[in-house]
Amino acid sequence: MKLTGVFAPIPTPFDERDRADTARLRKALKRWLKTPLTGFVVLGSTGEGVLVDEDEASRVMAAARDVVPKKRTFIVGTGRESTRSAVGAAKRAGKLGADAVLVRTPGFYKEQMTTEAFVRHYTAVADASPVPVLLYNFTALTGVNLQTDAVARLARHPNIIGMKESTSDALQISDLVAATPSDFSVLSGSASTFYTALSLGAVGGILALSCVAPEVCVRLFTLTQAGQHDEARALQQRILPLTKLLVSGYGVPGLKAALGLAGYDVGFPRSPLMPVSEAVIEELREGLALLTSA
């Protein structure tokens, strides 16, 4: 299984009473399916996966899989702090129809998260998972870094098919591409450096921005793949202001607010995350207007 293209890590809708809202999820997905996105990720970091319990996660997976057709790739975030829990989550995702699972690095015990610990963790998950595994490195959130030597070793596992690398570090992306086989999919998790990552050998992206601006993100991907680098670089510059607001600025609450402005009803952030202020909503409105009018 070779993953390439643009995948949207969609947020999990919660209602006014802080309950996972699968009706909202289904409705939003039906609209996203009208866009050229390659596939979807549920219950990742953008999907507030760390804030849902296992019963909710199963309901979200089942509802999303029911809407997403087989021709679109359906990936489920199954990262957990313990290897045992990550194995269990991967098995449940496989039973509920996931095409692959995205497994973030455990990071609570940061000092003990060595290369050997990561290799052991991911090998156990990949051995047990009924579907292919994607590694997920997001140092800004987890506080740990999945080093290139660990990825190179794990890439030899037949059930580990790629990774989402959310760094903006061009050297790390380049090293990952060079250290892994050609059939191992390195996917960018950073819209702010998406063009750079593609130019260095990444084969796609799992981008929060693609939830709000799917056509723009897919166009950046296709322009780069076609060698139209001047246009691709110009488009990369256009998306930077909104990307900064969503990722380094206001996070998941900002993304949900921006989606509301774009006509997607994805409910509320889950506590302890808080909805953004009216001033931030106005800032996001201006960012969206700049992107769509350029």
C-alpha atoms as a PDB file:
ATOM      1  CA  MET A   1       0.000   0.000   0.000  1.00  0.00           C
ATOM      2  CA  LYS A   2       1.580   3.271  -1.169  1.00  0.00           C
ATOM      3  CA  LEU A   3       0.037   6.474   0.120  1.00  0.00           C
ATOM      4  CA  THR A   4       0.364   9.636  -1.933  1.00  0.00           C
ATOM      5  CA  GLY A   5      -1.731  12.783  -2.156  1.00  0.00           C
ATOM      6  CA  VAL A   6      -3.474  15.103   0.300  1.00  0.00           C
ATOM      7  CA  PHE A   7      -5.307  13.733   3.328  1.00  0.00           C
ATOM      8  CA  ALA A   8      -7.497  15.830   5.625  1.00  0.00           C
ATOM      9  CA  PRO A   9      -7.096  15.204   9.375  1.00  0.00           C
ATOM     10  CA  ILE A  10     -10.671  16.103  10.179  1.00  0.00           C
ATOM     11  CA  PRO A  11     -11.814  17.396  13.574  1.00  0.00           C
ATOM     12  CA  THR A  12     -14.216  15.423  15.740  1.00  0.00           C
ATOM     13  CA  PRO A  13     -17.474  17.334  16.231  1.00  0.00           C
ATOM     14  CA  PHE A  14     -18.761  17.727  19.783  1.00  0.00           C
ATOM     15  CA  ASP A  15     -22.199  19.079  20.595  1.00  0.00           C
ATOM     16  CA  GLU A  16     -23.324  21.667  23.144  1.00  0.00           C
ATOM     17  CA  ARG A  17     -23.260  19.000  25.885  1.00  0.00           C
ATOM     18  CA  ASP A  18     -19.695  17.895  25.044  1.00  0.00           C
ATOM     19  CA  ARG A  19     -20.798  14.644  23.385  1.00  0.00           C
ATOM     20  CA  ALA A  20     -19.212  13.243  20.215  1.00  0.00           C
ATOM     21  CA  ASP A  21     -21.656  14.244  17.475  1.00  0.00           C
ATOM     22  CA  THR A  22     -21.659  11.648  14.709  1.00  0.00           C
ATOM     23  CA  ALA A  23     -24.549  13.328  12.871  1.00  0.00           C
ATOM     24  CA  ARG A  24     -22.437  16.455  12.417  1.00  0.00           C
ATOM     25  CA  LEU A  25     -19.490  14.261  11.411  1.00  0.00           C
ATOM     26  CA  ARG A  26     -21.463  12.481   8.698  1.00  0.00           C
ATOM     27  CA  LYS A  27     -22.796  15.741   7.283  1.00  0.00           C
ATOM     28  CA  ALA A  28     -19.356  17.369   7.156  1.00  0.00           C
ATOM     29  CA  LEU A  29     -17.784  14.301   5.556  1.00  0.00           C
ATOM     30  CA  LYS A  30     -20.395  14.263   2.813  1.00  0.00           C
ATOM     31  CA  ARG A  31     -19.335  17.774   1.905  1.00  0.00           C
ATOM     32  CA  TRP A  32     -15.621  16.958   2.057  1.00  0.00           C
ATOM     33  CA  LEU A  33     -16.264  14.051  -0.294  1.00  0.00           C
ATOM     34  CA  LYS A  34     -17.170  16.596  -2.985  1.00  0.00           C
ATOM     35  CA  THR A  35     -13.577  17.888  -2.894  1.00  0.00           C
ATOM     36  CA  PRO A  36     -10.494  16.292  -4.549  1.00  0.00           C
ATOM     37  CA  LEU A  37      -8.960  15.121  -1.257  1.00  0.00           C
ATOM     38  CA  THR A  38      -7.259  11.723  -1.452  1.00  0.00           C
ATOM     39  CA  GLY A  39      -8.556  10.564   1.909  1.00  0.00           C
ATOM     40  CA  PHE A  40      -9.287  11.362   5.518  1.00  0.00           C
ATOM     41  CA  VAL A  41      -7.804  10.882   8.983  1.00  0.00           C
ATOM     42  CA  VAL A  42     -10.077  10.684  12.018  1.00  0.00           C
ATOM     43  CA  LEU A  43      -9.056  10.827  15.674  1.00  0.00           C
ATOM     44  CA  GLY A  44      -5.630  12.270  15.055  1.00  0.00           C
ATOM     45  CA  SER A  45      -4.272  15.306  16.879  1.00  0.00           C
ATOM     46  CA  THR A  46      -6.547  17.624  14.882  1.00  0.00           C
ATOM     47  CA  GLY A  47      -9.371  15.207  15.671  1.00  0.00           C
ATOM     48  CA  GLU A  48      -8.806  15.661  19.423  1.00  0.00           C
ATOM     49  CA  GLY A  49      -8.116  11.943  19.597  1.00  0.00           C
ATOM     50  CA  VAL A  50      -6.445  12.211  23.001  1.00  0.00           C
ATOM     51  CA  LEU A  51      -9.659  13.660  24.448  1.00  0.00           C
ATOM     52  CA  VAL A  52     -12.095  10.897  23.462  1.00  0.00           C
ATOM     53  CA  ASP A  53     -12.721   7.639  25.290  1.00  0.00           C
ATOM     54  CA  GLU A  54     -12.616   4.255  23.556  1.00  0.00           C
ATOM     55  CA  ASP A  55     -16.397   3.913  23.162  1.00  0.00           C
ATOM     56  CA  GLU A  56     -16.599   7.341  21.549  1.00  0.00           C
ATOM     57  CA  ALA A  57     -13.646   6.517  19.318  1.00  0.00           C
ATOM     58  CA  SER A  58     -15.393   3.387  18.069  1.00  0.00           C
ATOM     59  CA  ARG A  59     -18.574   5.327  17.297  1.00  0.00           C
ATOM     60  CA  VAL A  60     -16.635   8.013  15.437  1.00  0.00           C
ATOM     61  CA  MET A  61     -14.723   5.414  13.413  1.00  0.00           C
ATOM     62  CA  ALA A  62     -17.862   3.499  12.488  1.00  0.00           C
ATOM     63  CA  ALA A  63     -19.784   6.631  11.480  1.00  0.00           C
ATOM     64  CA  ALA A  64     -16.930   7.961   9.348  1.00  0.00           C
ATOM     65  CA  ARG A  65     -16.270   4.649   7.624  1.00  0.00           C
ATOM     66  CA  ASP A  66     -19.963   4.386   6.824  1.00  0.00           C
ATOM     67  CA  VAL A  67     -19.736   7.647   4.857  1.00  0.00           C
ATOM     68  CA  VAL A  68     -16.242   7.426   3.327  1.00  0.00           C
ATOM     69  CA  PRO A  69     -16.297   5.185   0.231  1.00  0.00           C
ATOM     70  CA  LYS A  70     -13.662   2.544  -0.354  1.00  0.00           C
ATOM     71  CA  LYS A  71     -12.111   4.592  -3.159  1.00  0.00           C
ATOM     72  CA  ARG A  72     -11.019   7.184  -0.573  1.00  0.00           C
ATOM     73  CA  THR A  73      -8.336   6.230   1.926  1.00  0.00           C
ATOM     74  CA  PHE A  74      -9.622   6.092   5.509  1.00  0.00           C
ATOM     75  CA  ILE A  75      -6.972   6.408   8.235  1.00  0.00           C
ATOM     76  CA  VAL A  76      -7.588   6.275  11.982  1.00  0.00           C
ATOM     77  CA  GLY A  77      -5.385   7.765  14.680  1.00  0.00           C
ATOM     78  CA  THR A  78      -4.658   5.025  17.225  1.00  0.00           C
ATOM     79  CA  GLY A  79      -1.716   6.421  19.173  1.00  0.00           C
ATOM     80  CA  ARG A  80      -1.776   5.667  22.893  1.00  0.00           C
ATOM     81  CA  GLU A  81       0.751   6.044  25.695  1.00  0.00           C
ATOM     82  CA  SER A  82       1.074   2.311  26.360  1.00  0.00           C
ATOM     83  CA  THR A  83       1.984  -0.263  23.739  1.00  0.00           C
ATOM     84  CA  ARG A  84      -0.821  -2.508  24.952  1.00  0.00           C
ATOM     85  CA  SER A  85      -3.421   0.240  24.445  1.00  0.00           C
ATOM     86  CA  ALA A  86      -2.010   1.168  21.029  1.00  0.00           C
ATOM     87  CA  VAL A  87      -2.259  -2.465  19.934  1.00  0.00           C
ATOM     88  CA  GLY A  88      -5.859  -2.649  21.131  1.00  0.00           C
ATOM     89  CA  ALA A  89      -6.776   0.583  19.356  1.00  0.00           C
ATOM     90  CA  ALA A  90      -5.223  -0.594  16.087  1.00  0.00           C
ATOM     91  CA  LYS A  91      -7.150  -3.860  16.257  1.00  0.00           C
ATOM     92  CA  ARG A  92     -10.444  -2.032  16.855  1.00  0.00           C
ATOM     93  CA  ALA A  93      -9.751   0.354  13.988  1.00  0.00           C
ATOM     94  CA  GLY A  94      -9.053  -2.552  11.661  1.00  0.00           C
ATOM     95  CA  LYS A  95     -12.314  -4.247  12.609  1.00  0.00           C
ATOM     96  CA  LEU A  96     -14.222  -1.014  11.989  1.00  0.00           C
ATOM     97  CA  GLY A  97     -12.883  -0.606   8.480  1.00  0.00           C
ATOM     98  CA  ALA A  98      -9.728   1.509   8.690  1.00  0.00           C
ATOM     99  CA  ASP A  99      -7.424   1.227   5.682  1.00  0.00           C
ATOM    100  CA  ALA A 100      -4.447   2.175   7.863  1.00  0.00           C
ATOM    101  CA  VAL A 101      -3.701   3.480  11.353  1.00  0.00           C
ATOM    102  CA  LEU A 102      -1.691   6.555  12.313  1.00  0.00           C
ATOM    103  CA  VAL A 103       0.228   5.967  15.544  1.00  0.00           C
ATOM    104  CA  ARG A 104       1.703   8.964  17.339  1.00  0.00           C
ATOM    105  CA  THR A 105       4.791   8.631  19.477  1.00  0.00           C
ATOM    106  CA  PRO A 106       4.095   8.098  23.177  1.00  0.00           C
ATOM    107  CA  GLY A 107       5.672  10.981  25.037  1.00  0.00           C
ATOM    108  CA  PHE A 108       4.614  11.188  28.670  1.00  0.00           C
ATOM    109  CA  TYR A 109       7.821   9.523  29.901  1.00  0.00           C
ATOM    110  CA  LYS A 110      10.003  11.617  27.646  1.00  0.00           C
ATOM    111  CA  GLU A 111      13.416  10.728  29.045  1.00  0.00           C
ATOM    112  CA  GLN A 112      12.782   7.013  28.512  1.00  0.00           C
ATOM    113  CA  MET A 113      11.567   7.380  24.915  1.00  0.00           C
ATOM    114  CA  THR A 114      14.791   6.239  23.280  1.00  0.00           C
ATOM    115  CA  THR A 115      15.282   4.821  19.808  1.00  0.00           C
ATOM    116  CA  GLU A 116      15.118   1.311  21.251  1.00  0.00           C
ATOM    117  CA  ALA A 117      11.890   2.086  23.093  1.00  0.00           C
ATOM    118  CA  PHE A 118      10.276   3.466  19.939  1.00  0.00           C
ATOM    119  CA  VAL A 119      11.433   0.545  17.799  1.00  0.00           C
ATOM    120  CA  ARG A 120      10.048  -1.924  20.322  1.00  0.00           C
ATOM    121  CA  HIS A 121       6.749  -0.023  20.637  1.00  0.00           C
ATOM    122  CA  TYR A 122       6.071   0.339  16.928  1.00  0.00           C
ATOM    123  CA  THR A 123       7.207  -3.172  16.093  1.00  0.00           C
ATOM    124  CA  ALA A 124       4.717  -4.599  18.592  1.00  0.00           C
ATOM    125  CA  VAL A 125       1.905  -2.459  17.174  1.00  0.00           C
ATOM    126  CA  ALA A 126       2.774  -3.355  13.578  1.00  0.00           C
ATOM    127  CA  ASP A 127       3.045  -7.061  14.399  1.00  0.00           C
ATOM    128  CA  ALA A 128      -0.469  -7.043  15.871  1.00  0.00           C
ATOM    129  CA  SER A 129      -2.269  -4.544  13.654  1.00  0.00           C
ATOM    130  CA  PRO A 130      -4.620  -6.032  11.044  1.00  0.00           C
ATOM    131  CA  VAL A 131      -4.025  -2.997   8.792  1.00  0.00           C
ATOM    132  CA  PRO A 132      -0.900  -1.072   7.751  1.00  0.00           C
ATOM    133  CA  VAL A 133       0.727   1.319  10.209  1.00  0.00           C
ATOM    134  CA  LEU A 134       1.879   4.897   9.720  1.00  0.00           C
ATOM    135  CA  LEU A 135       4.351   6.353  12.204  1.00  0.00           C
ATOM    136  CA  TYR A 136       3.454   9.824  13.476  1.00  0.00           C
ATOM    137  CA  ASN A 137       6.073  12.277  14.702  1.00  0.00           C
ATOM    138  CA  PHE A 138       4.817  15.595  16.113  1.00  0.00           C
ATOM    139  CA  THR A 139       7.539  16.861  18.436  1.00  0.00           C
ATOM    140  CA  ALA A 140       5.818  20.199  19.083  1.00  0.00           C
ATOM    141  CA  LEU A 141       2.966  18.349  20.815  1.00  0.00           C
ATOM    142  CA  THR A 142       4.582  15.243  22.266  1.00  0.00           C
ATOM    143  CA  GLY A 143       7.947  16.706  23.258  1.00  0.00           C
ATOM    144  CA  VAL A 144       9.813  13.728  21.769  1.00  0.00           C
ATOM    145  CA  ASN A 145      11.408  13.233  18.378  1.00  0.00           C
ATOM    146  CA  LEU A 146      11.308   9.992  16.405  1.00  0.00           C
ATOM    147  CA  GLN A 147      14.851   9.988  15.098  1.00  0.00           C
ATOM    148  CA  THR A 148      15.799   9.008  11.564  1.00  0.00           C
ATOM    149  CA  ASP A 149      17.709   5.903  12.673  1.00  0.00           C
ATOM    150  CA  ALA A 150      14.593   4.554  14.391  1.00  0.00           C
ATOM    151  CA  VAL A 151      12.460   5.284  11.314  1.00  0.00           C
ATOM    152  CA  ALA A 152      15.002   3.585   9.043  1.00  0.00           C
ATOM    153  CA  ARG A 153      14.805   0.417  11.130  1.00  0.00           C
ATOM    154  CA  LEU A 154      11.028   0.485  11.381  1.00  0.00           C
ATOM    155  CA  ALA A 155      10.618   1.102   7.641  1.00  0.00           C
ATOM    156  CA  ARG A 156      11.868  -2.441   7.054  1.00  0.00           C
ATOM    157  CA  HIS A 157       8.805  -3.859   8.817  1.00  0.00           C
ATOM    158  CA  PRO A 158       6.357  -5.169   6.195  1.00  0.00           C
ATOM    159  CA  ASN A 159       3.358  -3.644   7.976  1.00  0.00           C
ATOM    160  CA  ILE A 160       4.830  -0.157   8.463  1.00  0.00           C
ATOM    161  CA  ILE A 161       4.181   1.716   5.233  1.00  0.00           C
ATOM    162  CA  GLY A 162       5.074   5.310   5.977  1.00  0.00           C
ATOM    163  CA  MET A 163       4.931   8.204   8.391  1.00  0.00           C
ATOM    164  CA  LYS A 164       3.487  11.627   9.024  1.00  0.00           C
ATOM    165  CA  GLU A 165       6.324  13.989   9.869  1.00  0.00           C
ATOM    166  CA  SER A 166       5.069  17.294  11.262  1.00  0.00           C
ATOM    167  CA  THR A 167       8.392  19.067  11.533  1.00  0.00           C
ATOM    168  CA  SER A 168       9.204  22.122   9.454  1.00  0.00           C
ATOM    169  CA  ASP A 169      12.865  21.040   9.472  1.00  0.00           C
ATOM    170  CA  ALA A 170      13.885  20.488   5.846  1.00  0.00           C
ATOM    171  CA  LEU A 171      16.989  18.541   6.852  1.00  0.00           C
ATOM    172  CA  GLN A 172      14.943  16.046   8.865  1.00  0.00           C
ATOM    173  CA  ILE A 173      12.527  15.520   5.971  1.00  0.00           C
ATOM    174  CA  SER A 174      15.445  15.019   3.586  1.00  0.00           C
ATOM    175  CA  ASP A 175      17.127  12.544   5.929  1.00  0.00           C
ATOM    176  CA  LEU A 176      13.897  10.552   6.357  1.00  0.00           C
ATOM    177  CA  VAL A 177      13.407  10.261   2.599  1.00  0.00           C
ATOM    178  CA  ALA A 178      17.032   9.235   2.073  1.00  0.00           C
ATOM    179  CA  ALA A 179      16.995   6.663   4.886  1.00  0.00           C
ATOM    180  CA  THR A 180      13.809   4.822   3.894  1.00  0.00           C
ATOM    181  CA  PRO A 181      12.852   2.613   0.928  1.00  0.00           C
ATOM    182  CA  SER A 182      11.112   4.065  -2.117  1.00  0.00           C
ATOM    183  CA  ASP A 183       7.852   2.329  -1.190  1.00  0.00           C
ATOM    184  CA  PHE A 184       7.810   3.991   2.256  1.00  0.00           C
ATOM    185  CA  SER A 185       5.521   7.054   2.185  1.00  0.00           C
ATOM    186  CA  VAL A 186       6.888  10.151   3.905  1.00  0.00           C
ATOM    187  CA  LEU A 187       3.935  12.523   4.357  1.00  0.00           C
ATOM    188  CA  SER A 188       4.282  16.119   5.494  1.00  0.00           C
ATOM    189  CA  GLY A 189       2.212  17.292   8.433  1.00  0.00           C
ATOM    190  CA  SER A 190       3.102  20.958   7.961  1.00  0.00           C
ATOM    191  CA  ALA A 191       1.222  23.066   5.418  1.00  0.00           C
ATOM    192  CA  SER A 192       3.665  25.928   6.003  1.00  0.00           C
ATOM    193  CA  THR A 193       6.480  23.880   4.436  1.00  0.00           C
ATOM    194  CA  PHE A 194       4.444  21.545   2.224  1.00  0.00           C
ATOM    195  CA  TYR A 195       6.122  22.616  -1.020  1.00  0.00           C
ATOM    196  CA  THR A 196       9.580  22.188   0.491  1.00  0.00           C
ATOM    197  CA  ALA A 197       8.739  18.716   1.795  1.00  0.00           C
ATOM    198  CA  LEU A 198       7.387  17.634  -1.598  1.00  0.00           C
ATOM    199  CA  SER A 199      10.493  18.991  -3.310  1.00  0.00           C
ATOM    200  CA  LEU A 200      12.639  16.901  -0.955  1.00  0.00           C
ATOM    201  CA  GLY A 201      10.797  13.673  -1.711  1.00  0.00           C
ATOM    202  CA  ALA A 202       7.713  13.613   0.494  1.00  0.00           C
ATOM    203  CA  VAL A 203       4.829  12.049  -1.438  1.00  0.00           C
ATOM    204  CA  GLY A 204       1.917  13.918   0.107  1.00  0.00           C
ATOM    205  CA  GLY A 205       0.593  15.541   3.212  1.00  0.00           C
ATOM    206  CA  ILE A 206      -1.798  15.187   6.117  1.00  0.00           C
ATOM    207  CA  LEU A 207      -2.594  18.858   6.548  1.00  0.00           C
ATOM    208  CA  ALA A 208      -5.005  20.629   8.894  1.00  0.00           C
ATOM    209  CA  LEU A 209      -5.297  23.401   6.316  1.00  0.00           C
ATOM    210  CA  SER A 210      -6.746  20.911   3.830  1.00  0.00           C
ATOM    211  CA  CYS A 211      -9.886  20.684   5.979  1.00  0.00           C
ATOM    212  CA  VAL A 212     -10.585  24.369   5.302  1.00  0.00           C
ATOM    213  CA  ALA A 213      -8.982  24.756   1.867  1.00  0.00           C
ATOM    214  CA  PRO A 214      -8.905  21.296   0.274  1.00  0.00           C
ATOM    215  CA  GLU A 215      -8.768  22.472  -3.339  1.00  0.00           C
ATOM    216  CA  VAL A 216      -5.854  24.809  -2.616  1.00  0.00           C
ATOM    217  CA  CYS A 217      -3.810  22.115  -0.872  1.00  0.00           C
ATOM    218  CA  VAL A 218      -4.471  19.588  -3.618  1.00  0.00           C
ATOM    219  CA  ARG A 219      -3.488  22.164  -6.237  1.00  0.00           C
ATOM    220  CA  LEU A 220      -0.188  22.813  -4.472  1.00  0.00           C
ATOM    221  CA  PHE A 221       0.471  19.074  -4.513  1.00  0.00           C
ATOM    222  CA  THR A 222      -0.406  18.645  -8.212  1.00  0.00           C
ATOM    223  CA  LEU A 223       1.585  21.699  -9.284  1.00  0.00           C
ATOM    224  CA  THR A 224       4.682  20.395  -7.523  1.00  0.00           C
ATOM    225  CA  GLN A 225       4.237  16.891  -8.911  1.00  0.00           C
ATOM    226  CA  ALA A 226       3.923  18.378 -12.401  1.00  0.00           C
ATOM    227  CA  GLY A 227       7.145  20.358 -12.011  1.00  0.00           C
ATOM    228  CA  GLN A 228       5.369  23.732 -12.120  1.00  0.00           C
ATOM    229  CA  HIS A 229       7.561  25.081  -9.367  1.00  0.00           C
ATOM    230  CA  ASP A 230       7.091  28.814  -9.841  1.00  0.00           C
ATOM    231  CA  GLU A 231       3.320  28.459  -9.480  1.00  0.00           C
ATOM    232  CA  ALA A 232       3.719  26.042  -6.587  1.00  0.00           C
ATOM    233  CA  ARG A 233       6.028  28.397  -4.689  1.00  0.00           C
ATOM    234  CA  ALA A 234       3.632  31.286  -5.221  1.00  0.00           C
ATOM    235  CA  LEU A 235       0.740  29.214  -3.910  1.00  0.00           C
ATOM    236  CA  GLN A 236       2.810  28.145  -0.900  1.00  0.00           C
ATOM    237  CA  GLN A 237       3.291  31.799  -0.033  1.00  0.00           C
ATOM    238  CA  ARG A 238      -0.451  32.440  -0.339  1.00  0.00           C
ATOM    239  CA  ILE A 239      -1.376  29.796   2.217  1.00  0.00           C
ATOM    240  CA  LEU A 240       1.152  30.871   4.857  1.00  0.00           C
ATOM    241  CA  PRO A 241      -0.912  33.538   6.685  1.00  0.00           C
ATOM    242  CA  LEU A 242      -3.919  31.272   7.271  1.00  0.00           C
ATOM    243  CA  THR A 243      -1.698  28.306   8.103  1.00  0.00           C
ATOM    244  CA  LYS A 244       0.057  30.300  10.821  1.00  0.00           C
ATOM    245  CA  LEU A 245      -3.291  31.302  12.322  1.00  0.00           C
ATOM    246  CA  LEU A 246      -4.552  27.713  12.373  1.00  0.00           C
ATOM    247  CA  VAL A 247      -1.457  25.821  13.470  1.00  0.00           C
ATOM    248  CA  SER A 248       0.911  27.988  15.497  1.00  0.00           C
ATOM    249  CA  GLY A 249      -1.846  30.451  16.426  1.00  0.00           C
ATOM    250  CA  TYR A 250      -5.179  29.022  17.523  1.00  0.00           C
ATOM    251  CA  GLY A 251      -4.958  25.256  17.028  1.00  0.00           C
ATOM    252  CA  VAL A 252      -8.018  23.008  17.001  1.00  0.00           C
ATOM    253  CA  PRO A 253     -10.431  25.683  18.328  1.00  0.00           C
ATOM    254  CA  GLY A 254      -9.232  28.008  15.560  1.00  0.00           C
ATOM    255  CA  LEU A 255      -9.649  25.304  12.940  1.00  0.00           C
ATOM    256  CA  LYS A 256     -13.205  24.576  14.075  1.00  0.00           C
ATOM    257  CA  ALA A 257     -14.014  28.287  13.947  1.00  0.00           C
ATOM    258  CA  ALA A 258     -12.491  28.621  10.470  1.00  0.00           C
ATOM    259  CA  LEU A 259     -14.489  25.620   9.286  1.00  0.00           C
ATOM    260  CA  GLY A 260     -17.638  27.259  10.603  1.00  0.00           C
ATOM    261  CA  LEU A 261     -16.825  30.330   8.523  1.00  0.00           C
ATOM    262  CA  ALA A 262     -16.284  28.062   5.509  1.00  0.00           C
ATOM    263  CA  GLY A 263     -19.709  26.466   5.971  1.00  0.00           C
ATOM    264  CA  TYR A 264     -18.750  23.266   7.805  1.00  0.00           C
ATOM    265  CA  ASP A 265     -20.561  22.594  11.075  1.00  0.00           C
ATOM    266  CA  VAL A 266     -18.065  20.698  13.235  1.00  0.00           C
ATOM    267  CA  GLY A 267     -19.405  21.719  16.605  1.00  0.00           C
ATOM    268  CA  PHE A 268     -17.338  22.789  19.571  1.00  0.00           C
ATOM    269  CA  PRO A 269     -13.867  22.008  20.936  1.00  0.00           C
ATOM    270  CA  ARG A 270     -13.800  19.546  23.806  1.00  0.00           C
ATOM    271  CA  SER A 271     -12.897  20.890  27.243  1.00  0.00           C
ATOM    272  CA  PRO A 272     -10.314  21.833  28.385  1.00  0.00           C
ATOM    273  CA  LEU A 273      -9.966  23.376  24.911  1.00  0.00           C
ATOM    274  CA  MET A 274     -12.037  26.544  24.637  1.00  0.00           C
ATOM    275  CA  PRO A 275     -13.806  28.197  21.695  1.00  0.00           C
ATOM    276  CA  VAL A 276     -11.961  31.175  20.252  1.00  0.00           C
ATOM    277  CA  SER A 277     -13.105  34.735  20.814  1.00  0.00           C
ATOM    278  CA  GLU A 278     -15.035  36.910  18.372  1.00  0.00           C
ATOM    279  CA  ALA A 279     -11.829  38.846  17.738  1.00  0.00           C
ATOM    280  CA  VAL A 280     -10.072  35.652  16.651  1.00  0.00           C
ATOM    281  CA  ILE A 281     -13.014  34.690  14.458  1.00  0.00           C
ATOM    282  CA  GLU A 282     -12.684  38.028  12.700  1.00  0.00           C
ATOM    283  CA  GLU A 283      -8.954  37.419  12.236  1.00  0.00           C
ATOM    284  CA  LEU A 284      -9.706  34.006  10.741  1.00  0.00           C
ATOM    285  CA  ARG A 285     -12.345  35.536   8.473  1.00  0.00           C
ATOM    286  CA  GLU A 286      -9.752  37.937   7.106  1.00  0.00           C
ATOM    287  CA  GLY A 287      -7.262  35.080   6.608  1.00  0.00           C
ATOM    288  CA  LEU A 288      -9.813  33.053   4.658  1.00  0.00           C
ATOM    289  CA  ALA A 289     -10.710  36.076   2.544  1.00  0.00           C
ATOM    290  CA  LEU A 290      -7.071  36.675   1.659  1.00  0.00           C
ATOM    291  CA  LEU A 291      -6.638  33.058   0.595  1.00  0.00           C
ATOM    292  CA  THR A 292      -9.765  32.895  -1.550  1.00  0.00           C
ATOM    293  CA  SER A 293      -9.356  36.315  -3.165  1.00  0.00           C
ATOM    294  CA  ALA A 294      -5.714  35.998  -4.191  1.00  0.00           C
END
